[in-house]
N, C-alpha and C. Protein backbone atom coordinates (compact mmCIF):
# COMPACT_ATOMS: atom_id res chain seq x y z
N MET A 1 0.81 -1.21 0.00
CA MET A 1 0.00 0.00 0.00
C MET A 1 0.85 1.26 0.00
N VAL A 2 2.03 1.19 0.56
CA VAL A 2 2.89 2.37 0.60
C VAL A 2 3.25 2.81 -0.82
N VAL A 3 3.49 1.85 -1.72
CA VAL A 3 3.84 2.19 -3.09
C VAL A 3 2.70 2.94 -3.76
N GLU A 4 1.46 2.49 -3.57
CA GLU A 4 0.32 3.18 -4.16
C GLU A 4 0.22 4.60 -3.63
N PHE A 5 0.44 4.76 -2.33
CA PHE A 5 0.39 6.10 -1.74
C PHE A 5 1.44 6.99 -2.36
N SER A 6 2.67 6.48 -2.47
CA SER A 6 3.72 7.31 -3.04
C SER A 6 3.49 7.53 -4.53
N LEU A 7 2.93 6.55 -5.23
CA LEU A 7 2.61 6.75 -6.64
C LEU A 7 1.58 7.85 -6.80
N ASP A 8 0.59 7.88 -5.93
CA ASP A 8 -0.42 8.94 -5.99
C ASP A 8 0.24 10.31 -5.85
N HIS A 9 1.10 10.45 -4.87
CA HIS A 9 1.80 11.72 -4.66
C HIS A 9 2.73 12.05 -5.83
N THR A 10 3.39 11.03 -6.33
CA THR A 10 4.31 11.25 -7.45
C THR A 10 3.54 11.72 -8.68
N PHE A 11 2.47 11.01 -9.02
CA PHE A 11 1.69 11.42 -10.19
C PHE A 11 1.06 12.80 -10.00
N ALA A 12 0.59 13.09 -8.81
CA ALA A 12 0.00 14.41 -8.56
C ALA A 12 1.06 15.50 -8.73
N ALA A 13 2.26 15.25 -8.23
CA ALA A 13 3.33 16.25 -8.38
C ALA A 13 3.72 16.42 -9.84
N LEU A 14 3.74 15.32 -10.59
CA LEU A 14 4.14 15.37 -11.99
C LEU A 14 3.05 15.90 -12.91
N ALA A 15 1.85 16.07 -12.39
CA ALA A 15 0.73 16.54 -13.21
C ALA A 15 0.92 17.99 -13.66
N ASP A 16 1.75 18.73 -12.97
CA ASP A 16 1.95 20.14 -13.28
C ASP A 16 3.16 20.33 -14.20
N PRO A 17 2.99 21.03 -15.32
CA PRO A 17 4.12 21.20 -16.25
C PRO A 17 5.29 22.00 -15.66
N THR A 18 5.02 22.91 -14.76
CA THR A 18 6.12 23.66 -14.13
C THR A 18 6.97 22.73 -13.30
N ARG A 19 6.33 21.84 -12.56
CA ARG A 19 7.09 20.90 -11.73
C ARG A 19 7.88 19.92 -12.60
N ARG A 20 7.30 19.50 -13.73
CA ARG A 20 8.06 18.63 -14.63
C ARG A 20 9.27 19.37 -15.20
N ALA A 21 9.11 20.65 -15.51
CA ALA A 21 10.22 21.45 -16.02
C ALA A 21 11.30 21.63 -14.95
N ILE A 22 10.89 21.79 -13.71
CA ILE A 22 11.86 21.90 -12.61
C ILE A 22 12.66 20.61 -12.50
N LEU A 23 11.98 19.47 -12.56
CA LEU A 23 12.69 18.19 -12.51
C LEU A 23 13.66 18.06 -13.68
N ALA A 24 13.21 18.47 -14.87
CA ALA A 24 14.09 18.39 -16.04
C ALA A 24 15.34 19.24 -15.83
N ARG A 25 15.17 20.40 -15.25
CA ARG A 25 16.32 21.27 -14.97
C ARG A 25 17.27 20.61 -13.98
N LEU A 26 16.71 19.92 -12.99
CA LEU A 26 17.54 19.29 -11.96
C LEU A 26 18.31 18.08 -12.49
N LEU A 27 17.96 17.61 -13.68
CA LEU A 27 18.77 16.55 -14.30
C LEU A 27 20.18 17.05 -14.59
N ASP A 28 20.33 18.36 -14.76
CA ASP A 28 21.65 18.96 -15.00
C ASP A 28 22.45 19.16 -13.72
N GLY A 29 21.83 18.98 -12.57
CA GLY A 29 22.53 19.14 -11.31
C GLY A 29 21.74 19.99 -10.32
N GLU A 30 22.29 20.10 -9.13
CA GLU A 30 21.65 20.85 -8.05
C GLU A 30 21.41 22.30 -8.45
N ALA A 31 20.37 22.88 -7.84
CA ALA A 31 20.07 24.29 -8.11
C ALA A 31 19.31 24.89 -6.94
N SER A 32 19.47 26.17 -6.76
CA SER A 32 18.70 26.89 -5.74
C SER A 32 17.33 27.22 -6.33
N VAL A 33 16.41 27.61 -5.46
CA VAL A 33 15.07 28.00 -5.93
C VAL A 33 15.18 29.20 -6.86
N ALA A 34 16.05 30.14 -6.55
CA ALA A 34 16.23 31.32 -7.41
C ALA A 34 16.71 30.89 -8.81
N GLU A 35 17.63 29.94 -8.86
CA GLU A 35 18.11 29.44 -10.15
C GLU A 35 17.00 28.70 -10.89
N LEU A 36 16.21 27.94 -10.15
CA LEU A 36 15.10 27.20 -10.77
C LEU A 36 14.03 28.15 -11.30
N ALA A 37 13.88 29.30 -10.66
CA ALA A 37 12.85 30.26 -11.05
C ALA A 37 13.20 31.05 -12.31
N GLN A 38 14.47 31.11 -12.68
CA GLN A 38 14.91 31.97 -13.78
C GLN A 38 14.13 31.79 -15.09
N PRO A 39 13.88 30.57 -15.57
CA PRO A 39 13.21 30.47 -16.88
C PRO A 39 11.69 30.70 -16.84
N PHE A 40 11.13 30.86 -15.67
CA PHE A 40 9.68 30.98 -15.53
C PHE A 40 9.26 32.42 -15.30
N GLU A 41 8.06 32.70 -15.70
CA GLU A 41 7.47 34.00 -15.38
C GLU A 41 6.68 33.86 -14.08
N LEU A 42 7.36 33.35 -13.08
CA LEU A 42 6.78 33.13 -11.75
C LEU A 42 7.69 33.77 -10.72
N THR A 43 7.12 34.07 -9.58
CA THR A 43 7.95 34.58 -8.50
C THR A 43 8.76 33.44 -7.89
N VAL A 44 9.82 33.81 -7.21
CA VAL A 44 10.62 32.81 -6.51
C VAL A 44 9.75 32.09 -5.48
N ARG A 45 8.86 32.82 -4.86
CA ARG A 45 7.94 32.21 -3.87
C ARG A 45 7.06 31.15 -4.51
N ALA A 46 6.54 31.43 -5.71
CA ALA A 46 5.69 30.45 -6.40
C ALA A 46 6.50 29.21 -6.78
N VAL A 47 7.71 29.40 -7.26
CA VAL A 47 8.57 28.27 -7.60
C VAL A 47 8.92 27.49 -6.34
N SER A 48 9.13 28.18 -5.24
CA SER A 48 9.41 27.53 -3.97
C SER A 48 8.26 26.61 -3.56
N LYS A 49 7.04 27.03 -3.81
CA LYS A 49 5.89 26.18 -3.50
C LYS A 49 5.90 24.92 -4.38
N HIS A 50 6.24 25.08 -5.66
CA HIS A 50 6.35 23.92 -6.55
C HIS A 50 7.44 22.97 -6.06
N VAL A 51 8.56 23.53 -5.64
CA VAL A 51 9.66 22.73 -5.11
C VAL A 51 9.19 21.98 -3.86
N GLY A 52 8.39 22.63 -3.03
CA GLY A 52 7.85 21.98 -1.83
C GLY A 52 6.98 20.78 -2.17
N VAL A 53 6.16 20.91 -3.21
CA VAL A 53 5.31 19.78 -3.64
C VAL A 53 6.19 18.64 -4.13
N LEU A 54 7.21 18.96 -4.91
CA LEU A 54 8.13 17.92 -5.39
C LEU A 54 8.85 17.25 -4.24
N GLU A 55 9.20 18.03 -3.24
CA GLU A 55 9.89 17.47 -2.07
C GLU A 55 8.95 16.56 -1.28
N GLN A 56 7.71 16.97 -1.08
CA GLN A 56 6.74 16.15 -0.36
C GLN A 56 6.49 14.82 -1.08
N ALA A 57 6.55 14.85 -2.40
CA ALA A 57 6.36 13.62 -3.19
C ALA A 57 7.62 12.76 -3.24
N GLY A 58 8.71 13.27 -2.66
CA GLY A 58 9.95 12.51 -2.65
C GLY A 58 10.74 12.60 -3.93
N LEU A 59 10.32 13.47 -4.85
CA LEU A 59 11.00 13.59 -6.14
C LEU A 59 12.29 14.41 -6.06
N ILE A 60 12.40 15.25 -5.05
CA ILE A 60 13.63 16.01 -4.85
C ILE A 60 13.94 16.04 -3.36
N THR A 61 15.18 16.34 -3.06
CA THR A 61 15.59 16.62 -1.69
C THR A 61 16.28 17.98 -1.70
N ARG A 62 16.28 18.60 -0.56
CA ARG A 62 16.95 19.90 -0.43
C ARG A 62 18.01 19.80 0.64
N SER A 63 19.11 20.48 0.39
CA SER A 63 20.20 20.54 1.36
C SER A 63 20.68 21.98 1.43
N ARG A 64 21.48 22.23 2.42
CA ARG A 64 21.99 23.59 2.60
C ARG A 64 23.49 23.58 2.36
N ALA A 65 23.93 24.49 1.53
CA ALA A 65 25.35 24.69 1.28
C ALA A 65 25.63 26.17 1.51
N ALA A 66 26.32 26.45 2.60
CA ALA A 66 26.55 27.85 3.03
C ALA A 66 25.20 28.54 3.18
N GLN A 67 24.96 29.61 2.46
CA GLN A 67 23.70 30.35 2.57
C GLN A 67 22.65 29.87 1.57
N LYS A 68 23.00 28.90 0.73
CA LYS A 68 22.10 28.43 -0.32
C LYS A 68 21.40 27.15 0.09
N HIS A 69 20.13 27.06 -0.25
CA HIS A 69 19.38 25.81 -0.15
C HIS A 69 19.33 25.23 -1.55
N LEU A 70 19.92 24.07 -1.71
CA LEU A 70 19.99 23.45 -3.03
C LEU A 70 19.03 22.28 -3.14
N SER A 71 18.40 22.14 -4.29
CA SER A 71 17.50 21.03 -4.57
C SER A 71 18.21 20.07 -5.52
N ARG A 72 17.94 18.79 -5.32
CA ARG A 72 18.49 17.77 -6.21
C ARG A 72 17.41 16.72 -6.45
N ILE A 73 17.45 16.13 -7.63
CA ILE A 73 16.44 15.13 -8.01
C ILE A 73 16.69 13.82 -7.26
N GLU A 74 15.62 13.15 -6.91
CA GLU A 74 15.69 11.84 -6.27
C GLU A 74 15.06 10.82 -7.21
N PRO A 75 15.81 9.84 -7.67
CA PRO A 75 15.28 8.92 -8.68
C PRO A 75 14.31 7.85 -8.19
N LYS A 76 14.25 7.57 -6.89
CA LYS A 76 13.43 6.45 -6.43
C LYS A 76 11.96 6.54 -6.85
N PRO A 77 11.28 7.67 -6.66
CA PRO A 77 9.87 7.71 -7.08
C PRO A 77 9.69 7.47 -8.58
N LEU A 78 10.65 7.90 -9.38
CA LEU A 78 10.57 7.67 -10.82
C LEU A 78 10.80 6.19 -11.14
N ARG A 79 11.68 5.54 -10.38
CA ARG A 79 11.87 4.09 -10.54
C ARG A 79 10.60 3.35 -10.15
N ASP A 80 9.90 3.83 -9.11
CA ASP A 80 8.63 3.21 -8.70
C ASP A 80 7.60 3.30 -9.82
N ILE A 81 7.55 4.45 -10.50
CA ILE A 81 6.63 4.60 -11.63
C ILE A 81 7.03 3.64 -12.74
N ASP A 82 8.31 3.54 -13.01
CA ASP A 82 8.79 2.64 -14.06
C ASP A 82 8.40 1.20 -13.76
N ARG A 83 8.55 0.78 -12.51
CA ARG A 83 8.16 -0.59 -12.12
C ARG A 83 6.66 -0.78 -12.28
N TRP A 84 5.87 0.22 -11.90
CA TRP A 84 4.42 0.16 -12.03
C TRP A 84 4.02 0.05 -13.51
N LEU A 85 4.71 0.80 -14.36
CA LEU A 85 4.40 0.78 -15.79
C LEU A 85 4.88 -0.49 -16.48
N ASP A 86 5.81 -1.20 -15.86
CA ASP A 86 6.41 -2.37 -16.50
C ASP A 86 5.37 -3.41 -16.91
N ASP A 87 4.38 -3.70 -16.08
CA ASP A 87 3.34 -4.67 -16.44
C ASP A 87 2.57 -4.21 -17.68
N TYR A 88 2.28 -2.92 -17.75
CA TYR A 88 1.56 -2.39 -18.91
C TYR A 88 2.45 -2.42 -20.15
N ARG A 89 3.72 -2.13 -19.95
CA ARG A 89 4.68 -2.18 -21.07
C ARG A 89 4.74 -3.59 -21.63
N LYS A 90 4.81 -4.60 -20.75
CA LYS A 90 4.86 -6.00 -21.19
C LYS A 90 3.58 -6.37 -21.93
N LEU A 91 2.45 -5.91 -21.44
CA LEU A 91 1.17 -6.18 -22.11
C LEU A 91 1.19 -5.64 -23.54
N TRP A 92 1.57 -4.38 -23.70
CA TRP A 92 1.56 -3.77 -25.02
C TRP A 92 2.62 -4.35 -25.92
N GLU A 93 3.79 -4.65 -25.40
CA GLU A 93 4.82 -5.27 -26.22
C GLU A 93 4.37 -6.63 -26.72
N GLY A 94 3.69 -7.39 -25.85
CA GLY A 94 3.15 -8.69 -26.27
C GLY A 94 2.11 -8.53 -27.37
N ARG A 95 1.27 -7.53 -27.24
CA ARG A 95 0.26 -7.30 -28.27
C ARG A 95 0.91 -6.88 -29.58
N PHE A 96 1.91 -6.02 -29.51
CA PHE A 96 2.60 -5.60 -30.73
C PHE A 96 3.32 -6.77 -31.39
N ASP A 97 3.92 -7.64 -30.57
CA ASP A 97 4.59 -8.82 -31.12
C ASP A 97 3.59 -9.72 -31.84
N ARG A 98 2.43 -9.93 -31.24
CA ARG A 98 1.40 -10.76 -31.89
C ARG A 98 0.91 -10.12 -33.18
N MET A 99 0.74 -8.78 -33.16
CA MET A 99 0.31 -8.08 -34.37
C MET A 99 1.36 -8.21 -35.46
N GLU A 100 2.62 -8.10 -35.09
CA GLU A 100 3.70 -8.24 -36.06
C GLU A 100 3.70 -9.63 -36.67
N ASP A 101 3.49 -10.66 -35.84
CA ASP A 101 3.41 -12.04 -36.35
C ASP A 101 2.25 -12.18 -37.34
N LEU A 102 1.10 -11.63 -37.01
CA LEU A 102 -0.06 -11.70 -37.92
C LEU A 102 0.23 -10.99 -39.24
N LEU A 103 0.84 -9.82 -39.16
CA LEU A 103 1.16 -9.08 -40.38
C LEU A 103 2.17 -9.84 -41.25
N ARG A 104 3.14 -10.48 -40.62
CA ARG A 104 4.12 -11.28 -41.37
C ARG A 104 3.45 -12.45 -42.05
N ARG A 105 2.55 -13.13 -41.32
CA ARG A 105 1.84 -14.26 -41.91
C ARG A 105 1.00 -13.80 -43.09
N ASP A 106 0.33 -12.67 -42.94
CA ASP A 106 -0.48 -12.13 -44.04
C ASP A 106 0.40 -11.76 -45.23
N ALA A 107 1.57 -11.17 -44.95
CA ALA A 107 2.49 -10.79 -46.03
C ALA A 107 3.02 -12.02 -46.74
N ASP A 108 3.26 -13.09 -46.00
CA ASP A 108 3.76 -14.33 -46.59
C ASP A 108 2.70 -14.99 -47.49
N LYS A 109 1.43 -14.78 -47.14
CA LYS A 109 0.33 -15.36 -47.91
C LYS A 109 -0.01 -14.54 -49.15
N ALA A 110 0.40 -13.31 -49.19
CA ALA A 110 0.08 -12.41 -50.32
C ALA A 110 0.74 -12.91 -51.59
N PRO A 111 0.04 -12.76 -52.72
CA PRO A 111 0.61 -13.24 -54.00
C PRO A 111 1.79 -12.41 -54.46
């Protein structure tokens, strides 16, 4: 049940395009909220709230370096989503494989 709970929080956090953009930026490395706010037409306070949602979902962690609070991406919740999606991926890959087999058989039968 814990995984479902964290998946709910993860998906809710990822539902917002600003938060997804923040995560994408953090793929390049740690950043302060001010640095994360630069590409957006949002206040630093608004971006800080987005960072808080990402932190609550476990998608990022924050640490302090001197006077700066730095955010960094945490991969575990994304791995949890990948594991959850794996069953669906296997289902669709199996269906595509069967469709490919049918198409090959039809092509072999064609004059």
